Amino acid sequence: MVCCQGLSGVGNLSVHPGGPGANPLESSIFPHALALDDALRLLDLTTKHSGHQFWSDSLSVHEAGSHAQGRVVGHQQITDAYLIGLALRNKGKLATLDQRIYALAPIGSPQHSILELIGQ
């Protein structure tokens, strides 16, 4: 699944490997999904955008997730905690479709201020 919002000229985008209609559930949730080839072309365009910056995953899981100690309650939150830590390290924002990520980012915390909920 690939999602993108807010790039000049791109708008909203969602992608799943089968393209539109491959899975009735996904096509009802993401009615404008692109085929994988189209998504790869868009990824190429996005990475050439002047505002794009690559962040390597150079942090250890422990280092990246240290901000969430005591709030991670299951394995599903490990990636979320890592991505929040990576955004914090790079003084960036983390865009997500999943509002459950706010469980790791209490109101008023530095983590909360870097989150951008897409589509809400």
C-alpha atoms as a PDB file:
ATOM      1  CA  MET A   1       0.000   0.000   0.000  1.00  0.00           C
ATOM      2  CA  VAL A   2       1.354   3.422  -0.912  1.00  0.00           C
ATOM      3  CA  CYS A   3      -0.206   6.698   0.088  1.00  0.00           C
ATOM      4  CA  CYS A   4       0.764  10.206  -0.704  1.00  0.00           C
ATOM      5  CA  GLN A   5      -0.890  13.531   0.006  1.00  0.00           C
ATOM      6  CA  GLY A   6       0.081  17.126  -0.283  1.00  0.00           C
ATOM      7  CA  LEU A   7       2.745  17.115  -2.988  1.00  0.00           C
ATOM      8  CA  SER A   8       2.137  19.888  -5.446  1.00  0.00           C
ATOM      9  CA  GLY A   9       0.263  18.451  -8.396  1.00  0.00           C
ATOM     10  CA  VAL A  10      -0.134  14.994  -6.875  1.00  0.00           C
ATOM     11  CA  GLY A  11      -3.157  15.246  -4.582  1.00  0.00           C
ATOM     12  CA  ASN A  12      -4.304  12.139  -2.740  1.00  0.00           C
ATOM     13  CA  LEU A  13      -3.079   8.705  -3.761  1.00  0.00           C
ATOM     14  CA  SER A  14      -3.449   5.167  -2.556  1.00  0.00           C
ATOM     15  CA  VAL A  15      -1.979   2.076  -4.171  1.00  0.00           C
ATOM     16  CA  HIS A  16      -2.233  -1.656  -3.709  1.00  0.00           C
ATOM     17  CA  PRO A  17      -0.297  -4.195  -5.805  1.00  0.00           C
ATOM     18  CA  GLY A  18      -3.271  -5.514  -7.773  1.00  0.00           C
ATOM     19  CA  GLY A  19      -4.494  -2.133  -8.970  1.00  0.00           C
ATOM     20  CA  PRO A  20      -8.104  -1.038  -8.840  1.00  0.00           C
ATOM     21  CA  GLY A  21     -10.647  -3.803  -8.483  1.00  0.00           C
ATOM     22  CA  ALA A  22      -8.181  -6.561  -7.585  1.00  0.00           C
ATOM     23  CA  ASN A  23      -9.666  -6.875  -4.119  1.00  0.00           C
ATOM     24  CA  PRO A  24     -13.267  -5.678  -3.616  1.00  0.00           C
ATOM     25  CA  LEU A  25     -12.572  -4.635  -0.012  1.00  0.00           C
ATOM     26  CA  GLU A  26      -9.492  -2.591  -0.934  1.00  0.00           C
ATOM     27  CA  SER A  27     -11.183  -1.007  -3.949  1.00  0.00           C
ATOM     28  CA  SER A  28     -14.090   0.123  -1.759  1.00  0.00           C
ATOM     29  CA  ILE A  29     -11.719   1.619   0.819  1.00  0.00           C
ATOM     30  CA  PHE A  30      -9.285   3.032  -1.753  1.00  0.00           C
ATOM     31  CA  PRO A  31     -11.403   3.607  -4.879  1.00  0.00           C
ATOM     32  CA  HIS A  32      -8.663   5.548  -6.682  1.00  0.00           C
ATOM     33  CA  ALA A  33      -5.875   3.003  -6.145  1.00  0.00           C
ATOM     34  CA  LEU A  34      -3.165   2.803  -8.813  1.00  0.00           C
ATOM     35  CA  ALA A  35      -1.512  -0.165 -10.406  1.00  0.00           C
ATOM     36  CA  LEU A  36       2.002  -0.950  -9.174  1.00  0.00           C
ATOM     37  CA  ASP A  37       3.706   0.404 -12.327  1.00  0.00           C
ATOM     38  CA  ASP A  38       1.915   3.722 -11.916  1.00  0.00           C
ATOM     39  CA  ALA A  39       2.852   3.804  -8.242  1.00  0.00           C
ATOM     40  CA  LEU A  40       6.515   3.231  -9.069  1.00  0.00           C
ATOM     41  CA  ARG A  41       6.445   6.093 -11.579  1.00  0.00           C
ATOM     42  CA  LEU A  42       4.868   8.319  -8.928  1.00  0.00           C
ATOM     43  CA  LEU A  43       7.475   7.238  -6.373  1.00  0.00           C
ATOM     44  CA  ASP A  44      10.198   8.187  -8.846  1.00  0.00           C
ATOM     45  CA  LEU A  45       8.562  11.580  -9.389  1.00  0.00           C
ATOM     46  CA  THR A  46       8.138  12.102  -5.645  1.00  0.00           C
ATOM     47  CA  THR A  47      11.768  11.335  -4.831  1.00  0.00           C
ATOM     48  CA  LYS A  48      12.852  13.893  -7.441  1.00  0.00           C
ATOM     49  CA  HIS A  49      10.688  16.595  -5.821  1.00  0.00           C
ATOM     50  CA  SER A  50      12.763  19.455  -4.394  1.00  0.00           C
ATOM     51  CA  GLY A  51      11.162  18.962  -0.970  1.00  0.00           C
ATOM     52  CA  HIS A  52      11.991  15.245  -0.776  1.00  0.00           C
ATOM     53  CA  GLN A  53      14.566  14.130   1.770  1.00  0.00           C
ATOM     54  CA  PHE A  54      15.597  10.503   2.310  1.00  0.00           C
ATOM     55  CA  TRP A  55      15.894   9.373   5.921  1.00  0.00           C
ATOM     56  CA  SER A  56      17.968   6.255   6.382  1.00  0.00           C
ATOM     57  CA  ASP A  57      16.911   3.871   9.100  1.00  0.00           C
ATOM     58  CA  SER A  58      20.159   4.447  10.936  1.00  0.00           C
ATOM     59  CA  LEU A  59      18.564   4.420  14.393  1.00  0.00           C
ATOM     60  CA  SER A  60      18.393   1.301  16.485  1.00  0.00           C
ATOM     61  CA  VAL A  61      14.890   0.179  17.427  1.00  0.00           C
ATOM     62  CA  HIS A  62      15.743   0.903  21.057  1.00  0.00           C
ATOM     63  CA  GLU A  63      16.960   4.426  20.288  1.00  0.00           C
ATOM     64  CA  ALA A  64      14.067   5.255  17.968  1.00  0.00           C
ATOM     65  CA  GLY A  65      11.444   3.892  20.338  1.00  0.00           C
ATOM     66  CA  SER A  66      12.804   5.348  23.568  1.00  0.00           C
ATOM     67  CA  HIS A  67      10.199   8.144  23.380  1.00  0.00           C
ATOM     68  CA  ALA A  68       7.406   5.567  23.669  1.00  0.00           C
ATOM     69  CA  GLN A  69       8.564   3.604  26.718  1.00  0.00           C
ATOM     70  CA  GLY A  70       5.556   2.513  28.720  1.00  0.00           C
ATOM     71  CA  ARG A  71       3.129   3.239  25.874  1.00  0.00           C
ATOM     72  CA  VAL A  72       3.927   0.403  23.447  1.00  0.00           C
ATOM     73  CA  VAL A  73       1.533  -2.377  24.380  1.00  0.00           C
ATOM     74  CA  GLY A  74       1.883  -4.734  21.428  1.00  0.00           C
ATOM     75  CA  HIS A  75       4.051  -5.744  18.516  1.00  0.00           C
ATOM     76  CA  GLN A  76       1.854  -3.788  16.092  1.00  0.00           C
ATOM     77  CA  GLN A  77       3.116  -0.525  17.602  1.00  0.00           C
ATOM     78  CA  ILE A  78       6.844  -1.191  17.150  1.00  0.00           C
ATOM     79  CA  THR A  79       6.944   0.168  13.587  1.00  0.00           C
ATOM     80  CA  ASP A  80       4.853   3.201  14.567  1.00  0.00           C
ATOM     81  CA  ALA A  81       7.192   3.979  17.463  1.00  0.00           C
ATOM     82  CA  TYR A  82      10.207   3.577  15.170  1.00  0.00           C
ATOM     83  CA  LEU A  83       8.772   5.903  12.512  1.00  0.00           C
ATOM     84  CA  ILE A  84       7.906   8.536  15.135  1.00  0.00           C
ATOM     85  CA  GLY A  85      11.463   8.312  16.468  1.00  0.00           C
ATOM     86  CA  LEU A  86      12.881   8.635  12.956  1.00  0.00           C
ATOM     87  CA  ALA A  87      10.744  11.732  12.281  1.00  0.00           C
ATOM     88  CA  LEU A  88      11.788  13.249  15.615  1.00  0.00           C
ATOM     89  CA  ARG A  89      15.488  12.606  14.864  1.00  0.00           C
ATOM     90  CA  ASN A  90      15.151  14.268  11.453  1.00  0.00           C
ATOM     91  CA  LYS A  91      12.995  17.154  12.693  1.00  0.00           C
ATOM     92  CA  GLY A  92      10.275  16.094  10.271  1.00  0.00           C
ATOM     93  CA  LYS A  93       6.639  15.055  10.229  1.00  0.00           C
ATOM     94  CA  LEU A  94       5.068  11.620  10.051  1.00  0.00           C
ATOM     95  CA  ALA A  95       1.975  11.399   7.844  1.00  0.00           C
ATOM     96  CA  THR A  96      -0.338   8.483   8.574  1.00  0.00           C
ATOM     97  CA  LEU A  97      -3.806   7.179   7.872  1.00  0.00           C
ATOM     98  CA  ASP A  98      -3.961   5.441  11.258  1.00  0.00           C
ATOM     99  CA  GLN A  99      -5.291   7.510  14.145  1.00  0.00           C
ATOM    100  CA  ARG A 100      -4.292   4.750  16.583  1.00  0.00           C
ATOM    101  CA  ILE A 101      -0.724   6.081  16.391  1.00  0.00           C
ATOM    102  CA  TYR A 102      -1.776   8.853  18.777  1.00  0.00           C
ATOM    103  CA  ALA A 103      -1.650   6.279  21.599  1.00  0.00           C
ATOM    104  CA  LEU A 104       2.140   6.667  21.318  1.00  0.00           C
ATOM    105  CA  ALA A 105       2.007  10.460  21.188  1.00  0.00           C
ATOM    106  CA  PRO A 106       0.151  12.108  24.072  1.00  0.00           C
ATOM    107  CA  ILE A 107      -1.272  15.593  23.522  1.00  0.00           C
ATOM    108  CA  GLY A 108       1.376  18.189  24.307  1.00  0.00           C
ATOM    109  CA  SER A 109       4.299  15.836  23.677  1.00  0.00           C
ATOM    110  CA  PRO A 110       6.918  16.451  20.971  1.00  0.00           C
ATOM    111  CA  GLN A 111       5.707  13.229  19.339  1.00  0.00           C
ATOM    112  CA  HIS A 112       2.155  14.550  19.002  1.00  0.00           C
ATOM    113  CA  SER A 113       3.275  17.726  17.246  1.00  0.00           C
ATOM    114  CA  ILE A 114       5.044  15.835  14.436  1.00  0.00           C
ATOM    115  CA  LEU A 115       2.058  13.682  13.442  1.00  0.00           C
ATOM    116  CA  GLU A 116      -0.160  14.508  10.464  1.00  0.00           C
ATOM    117  CA  LEU A 117      -3.323  12.452  10.129  1.00  0.00           C
ATOM    118  CA  ILE A 118      -4.225  12.109   6.445  1.00  0.00           C
ATOM    119  CA  GLY A 119      -7.830  12.112   5.356  1.00  0.00           C
ATOM    120  CA  GLN A 120      -9.349  13.356   8.594  1.00  0.00           C
END
